[in-house]
Protein backbone atom coordinates (compact mmCIF):
# COMPACT_ATOMS: atom_id res chain seq x y z
CA MET A 1 11.94 -13.40 -2.71
CA LYS A 2 11.90 -12.39 -6.36
CA LEU A 3 13.63 -9.11 -7.16
CA ILE A 4 12.81 -7.29 -10.41
CA ILE A 5 14.68 -4.14 -11.44
CA THR A 6 13.12 -1.95 -14.11
CA LYS A 7 14.61 0.97 -16.00
CA ASP A 8 12.18 3.58 -14.67
CA TYR A 9 8.91 4.29 -12.82
CA GLU A 10 6.77 3.60 -15.89
CA GLU A 11 8.23 0.15 -16.41
CA MET A 12 7.91 -0.60 -12.69
CA SER A 13 4.22 0.34 -12.80
CA LYS A 14 3.52 -1.72 -15.91
CA THR A 15 5.32 -4.76 -14.49
CA ALA A 16 3.31 -4.55 -11.27
CA ALA A 17 0.04 -4.16 -13.16
CA VAL A 18 0.75 -7.30 -15.19
CA ILE A 19 1.18 -9.30 -11.98
CA ILE A 20 -2.05 -7.93 -10.48
CA ALA A 21 -3.98 -8.44 -13.72
CA GLU A 22 -2.81 -12.05 -13.94
CA THR A 23 -4.00 -12.60 -10.37
CA VAL A 24 -7.46 -11.32 -11.32
CA LYS A 25 -7.59 -13.39 -14.51
CA THR A 26 -6.50 -16.55 -12.72
CA LYS A 27 -8.89 -16.03 -9.79
CA PRO A 28 -11.74 -13.66 -10.73
CA ASN A 29 -12.99 -13.54 -7.12
CA CYS A 30 -9.55 -12.88 -5.67
CA VAL A 31 -8.91 -10.65 -2.65
CA LEU A 32 -6.50 -7.80 -3.34
CA GLY A 33 -4.78 -5.61 -0.77
CA PHE A 34 -4.17 -2.07 -1.98
CA ALA A 35 -1.86 0.74 -0.90
CA THR A 36 -1.94 4.51 -1.23
CA GLY A 37 0.70 7.18 -1.83
CA GLY A 38 2.47 8.34 -4.94
CA THR A 39 4.19 5.07 -5.82
CA PRO A 40 1.18 2.94 -6.86
CA ILE A 41 -0.55 5.63 -8.94
CA GLY A 42 1.10 4.47 -12.16
CA THR A 43 0.09 0.89 -11.44
CA TYR A 44 -3.51 1.96 -10.86
CA LYS A 45 -3.53 3.88 -14.14
CA GLU A 46 -2.35 0.75 -15.92
CA LEU A 47 -5.04 -1.39 -14.25
CA ILE A 48 -7.64 1.12 -15.44
CA ARG A 49 -6.25 0.71 -18.95
CA TYR A 50 -6.53 -3.08 -18.62
CA TYR A 51 -10.18 -2.67 -17.65
CA LYS A 52 -11.05 -0.22 -20.43
CA GLU A 53 -9.00 -1.67 -23.28
CA GLU A 54 -8.65 -5.36 -22.39
CA LYS A 55 -11.91 -5.88 -20.47
CA LEU A 56 -10.23 -6.99 -17.24
CA ASP A 57 -13.16 -7.83 -14.98
CA PHE A 58 -13.10 -6.60 -11.37
CA SER A 59 -16.76 -7.36 -10.64
CA LEU A 60 -16.04 -10.24 -8.25
CA VAL A 61 -12.82 -8.85 -6.75
CA LYS A 62 -12.74 -7.86 -3.09
CA THR A 63 -10.23 -5.31 -1.82
CA PHE A 64 -8.77 -4.30 1.53
CA ASN A 65 -6.69 -1.17 1.94
CA LEU A 66 -3.72 -1.01 4.26
CA ASP A 67 -4.49 2.15 6.19
CA GLU A 68 -6.27 5.45 6.69
CA TYR A 69 -5.57 8.64 8.64
CA PHE A 70 -7.48 8.67 11.92
CA GLY A 71 -9.87 11.60 11.88
CA LEU A 72 -10.32 11.67 8.10
CA GLY A 73 -13.09 10.08 6.09
CA MET A 74 -14.18 10.56 2.52
CA ASP A 75 -16.48 13.55 2.14
CA LEU A 76 -17.85 13.73 -1.40
CA SER A 77 -19.09 17.28 -0.77
CA LYS A 78 -15.48 18.48 -0.70
CA PRO A 79 -13.26 18.98 -3.75
CA TYR A 80 -10.69 16.22 -4.15
CA ASP A 81 -7.79 18.54 -3.39
CA LYS A 82 -9.40 19.44 -0.04
CA ASP A 83 -10.00 15.86 1.03
CA GLN A 84 -6.78 14.02 1.78
CA SER A 85 -8.38 10.82 3.04
CA TYR A 86 -7.05 7.61 1.59
CA ALA A 87 -10.64 6.56 0.89
CA ARG A 88 -11.00 9.52 -1.46
CA PHE A 89 -7.60 8.76 -3.00
CA MET A 90 -8.64 5.22 -3.89
CA GLN A 91 -11.94 6.34 -5.40
CA GLU A 92 -10.29 8.98 -7.57
CA GLU A 93 -7.22 6.98 -8.58
CA LEU A 94 -8.82 3.57 -9.19
CA PHE A 95 -12.27 2.54 -7.99
CA ASP A 96 -14.28 5.15 -9.91
CA HIS A 97 -12.76 3.89 -13.15
CA ILE A 98 -13.25 0.11 -12.95
CA ASN A 99 -16.26 -2.20 -12.50
CA ILE A 100 -15.69 -3.10 -8.87
CA SER A 101 -18.69 -3.43 -6.57
CA LYS A 102 -18.79 -0.82 -3.80
CA ASP A 103 -19.81 -3.61 -1.43
CA ASN A 104 -16.49 -5.33 -2.10
CA ILE A 105 -14.31 -2.31 -1.23
CA ASN A 106 -12.90 -2.22 2.30
CA ILE A 107 -10.89 0.71 3.65
CA PRO A 108 -10.16 1.46 7.32
CA TYR A 109 -12.69 4.03 8.50
CA GLY A 110 -10.83 7.03 9.87
CA LEU A 111 -13.92 8.42 11.59
CA ALA A 112 -14.63 5.26 13.60
CA LYS A 113 -16.03 6.13 17.04
CA GLN A 114 -14.61 2.92 18.49
CA PRO A 115 -11.31 2.41 16.64
CA GLU A 116 -10.24 -0.65 18.64
CA LYS A 117 -13.49 -2.45 17.82
CA PHE A 118 -13.27 -1.34 14.20
CA CYS A 119 -9.76 -2.83 13.91
CA ILE A 120 -10.89 -6.17 15.33
CA ASP A 121 -13.82 -6.20 12.92
CA TYR A 122 -11.48 -5.36 10.00
CA GLU A 123 -9.28 -8.35 10.85
CA ASN A 124 -12.33 -10.60 11.04
CA LYS A 125 -13.59 -9.31 7.70
CA ILE A 126 -10.28 -10.20 6.04
CA LYS A 127 -10.49 -13.72 7.49
CA LYS A 128 -14.12 -14.08 6.40
CA ALA A 129 -13.09 -13.13 2.85
CA GLY A 130 -10.60 -16.00 2.88
CA GLY A 131 -7.48 -13.90 3.39
CA ILE A 132 -5.66 -11.62 0.98
CA ASP A 133 -4.35 -13.23 -2.21
CA LEU A 134 -2.04 -10.37 -3.22
CA GLN A 135 -1.02 -7.42 -1.07
CA LEU A 136 0.46 -4.36 -2.77
CA LEU A 137 3.04 -2.54 -0.64
CA GLY A 138 5.23 0.53 -0.71
CA ILE A 139 7.91 1.54 1.76
CA GLY A 140 8.11 4.70 3.85
CA GLY A 141 11.18 6.87 4.20
CA ASN A 142 11.89 5.36 7.62
CA GLY A 143 11.34 1.82 6.39
CA HIS A 144 7.73 1.34 7.41
CA ILE A 145 5.12 -0.73 5.58
CA ALA A 146 1.55 0.52 5.84
CA PHE A 147 1.78 2.78 8.91
CA ASN A 148 3.78 0.29 10.96
CA GLU A 149 6.31 2.80 12.26
CA PRO A 150 9.77 1.84 13.60
CA GLY A 151 9.39 -0.18 16.78
CA SER A 152 6.13 -1.80 15.74
CA SER A 153 5.88 -5.48 16.60
CA LEU A 154 6.47 -7.76 13.64
CA ALA A 155 3.47 -9.75 14.91
CA SER A 156 1.22 -6.66 15.15
CA ARG A 157 -2.39 -6.64 14.00
CA THR A 158 -4.67 -3.90 12.66
CA ARG A 159 -4.67 -1.04 15.17
CA LEU A 160 -4.49 2.70 15.79
CA GLN A 161 -0.86 3.81 15.34
CA PRO A 162 0.77 7.15 16.24
CA LEU A 163 2.88 8.55 13.39
CA THR A 164 6.51 9.58 13.70
CA LYS A 165 7.81 13.06 12.95
CA LYS A 166 9.56 11.67 9.85
CA THR A 167 6.34 10.24 8.44
CA LEU A 168 4.36 13.37 9.26
CA LYS A 169 6.95 15.55 7.53
CA ASP A 170 7.15 13.33 4.43
CA ASN A 171 3.39 13.02 4.04
CA TYR A 172 2.77 16.69 4.70
CA GLU A 173 5.18 17.66 1.94
CA SER A 174 3.80 15.04 -0.48
CA PHE A 175 0.06 15.45 0.05
CA PHE A 176 -1.22 17.87 2.67
CA LYS A 177 0.81 20.97 1.84
CA LYS A 178 -0.51 21.18 -1.73
CA ALA A 179 -4.07 21.00 -0.39
CA GLY A 180 -3.50 24.04 1.79
CA PHE A 181 -3.40 22.21 5.12
CA ASN A 182 -1.47 23.69 8.02
CA LYS A 183 0.91 21.21 9.62
CA GLU A 184 -1.03 21.31 12.87
CA ASP A 185 -4.19 20.26 11.03
CA MET A 186 -2.67 17.05 9.69
CA PRO A 187 -3.74 13.85 11.49
CA CYS A 188 -0.97 12.49 13.71
CA SER A 189 -2.20 8.89 13.88
CA ALA A 190 -3.65 6.30 11.53
CA LEU A 191 -5.55 3.04 11.41
CA THR A 192 -3.24 0.47 9.86
CA MET A 193 -2.99 -3.21 9.11
CA GLY A 194 -0.33 -4.72 11.33
CA VAL A 195 2.86 -6.36 10.13
CA GLY A 196 1.50 -9.74 11.18
CA THR A 197 -1.68 -9.09 9.20
CA ILE A 198 0.31 -8.16 6.09
CA LEU A 199 2.50 -11.25 6.32
CA GLU A 200 -0.58 -13.47 6.12
CA ALA A 201 -1.25 -12.39 2.52
CA ARG A 202 -0.35 -15.16 0.10
CA HIS A 203 1.67 -12.90 -2.22
CA LEU A 204 3.42 -9.67 -1.25
CA LEU A 205 4.14 -7.24 -4.08
CA MET A 206 6.34 -4.31 -3.05
CA LEU A 207 7.03 -1.32 -5.30
CA VAL A 208 9.89 1.11 -4.69
CA SER A 209 10.86 4.08 -6.83
CA GLY A 210 13.49 6.81 -6.69
CA LYS A 211 16.92 7.42 -5.18
CA SER A 212 15.40 8.74 -1.96
CA LYS A 213 14.28 5.18 -1.14
CA ALA A 214 17.49 3.42 -2.28
CA LEU A 215 19.19 3.09 1.12
CA THR A 216 15.93 2.25 2.84
CA ILE A 217 15.06 -0.65 0.54
CA LYS A 218 18.65 -1.88 0.71
CA GLU A 219 18.33 -2.16 4.50
CA ALA A 220 14.91 -3.77 4.21
CA ILE A 221 15.91 -6.60 1.86
CA GLU A 222 19.65 -6.98 2.52
CA GLY A 223 19.86 -6.06 6.18
CA CYS A 224 18.76 -7.72 9.39
CA ILE A 225 15.11 -8.34 10.13
CA THR A 226 14.26 -5.69 12.67
CA SER A 227 11.28 -3.80 14.04
CA LYS A 228 13.27 -0.61 13.40
CA ILE A 229 12.60 -1.19 9.69
CA THR A 230 9.26 -2.95 9.58
CA ALA A 231 9.55 -3.53 5.82
CA SER A 232 12.36 -5.97 6.61
CA ALA A 233 9.63 -8.35 7.84
CA ILE A 234 8.91 -9.32 4.24
CA GLN A 235 12.02 -11.51 4.56
CA LEU A 236 9.98 -13.64 6.98
CA HIS A 237 7.19 -14.32 4.51
CA PRO A 238 6.87 -18.08 3.92
CA GLY A 239 5.25 -17.73 0.51
CA LYS A 240 5.62 -15.52 -2.54
CA VAL A 241 7.31 -12.12 -2.32
CA THR A 242 8.00 -9.93 -5.36
CA VAL A 243 9.92 -6.65 -5.03
CA ILE A 244 9.96 -4.36 -8.06
CA LEU A 245 12.42 -1.47 -8.08
CA ASP A 246 13.20 1.13 -10.66
CA ASP A 247 16.87 1.65 -11.44
CA ASP A 248 17.22 4.59 -9.06
CA ALA A 249 15.75 2.68 -6.13
CA ALA A 250 18.08 -0.23 -6.84
CA SER A 251 21.19 1.96 -7.00
CA GLU A 252 22.47 1.07 -3.50
CA LEU A 253 21.99 -2.71 -3.69
CA SER A 254 25.08 -4.86 -3.22
CA TRP A 255 24.64 -6.81 -6.41
CA SER A 256 24.05 -5.93 -10.04
CA LEU A 257 21.13 -7.31 -12.01
CA ASP A 258 19.98 -6.81 -15.59
CA LEU A 259 17.05 -4.48 -16.10
CA VAL A 260 13.77 -5.92 -17.41
């Protein structure tokens, strides 16, 4: 595991974007795994800049997103602030601004009539694409990756996952409240890649920002590997793992490292 500590969120985002951009340059038809939430927005902005100013070519890139709320699907007839689907998030924050083919974008479909079948098909689609070259990750307040809540099997596959009260509260405050949703209207489950699915990516790139995540990431990378903190499973990855923290997120680590 490679640990990089940056001085702030902006530097964290730029450092992550460099790694992703190099992956695309080295393998133009690479398969990227993307994440949603507030943390990767800065990285996506930087990737857009790479495309516009440095001609980074995404035309052959395939992408797979980690998760989507069950019961939500992108509805282009709605204003962005009234559509909290992760599909809409990715379009607005990244895909609409780069030259990626719509046929190469894969996001769990929250309106699937047969979610179990959809999840099996999603797994098969990842395998058919040759697997994920680089998977971008964040970490939830309770230590989850994607929507693999505490107690999820570390061998789990893509599936429908109930969400904990902690996750519902955090995500309501971060996203749904500002869009005028009542708490009872927020989806309480999600389609998510499993921990086992995530660990099959050849390179894991985790981003963590802010003091509120400091103790959680400390447990994930310094503590025991446990299903109570599914992010701790990255310690099991046999290949390349890069964790980028800003200084606040790194504040509880047991060792001291120079900032990049």
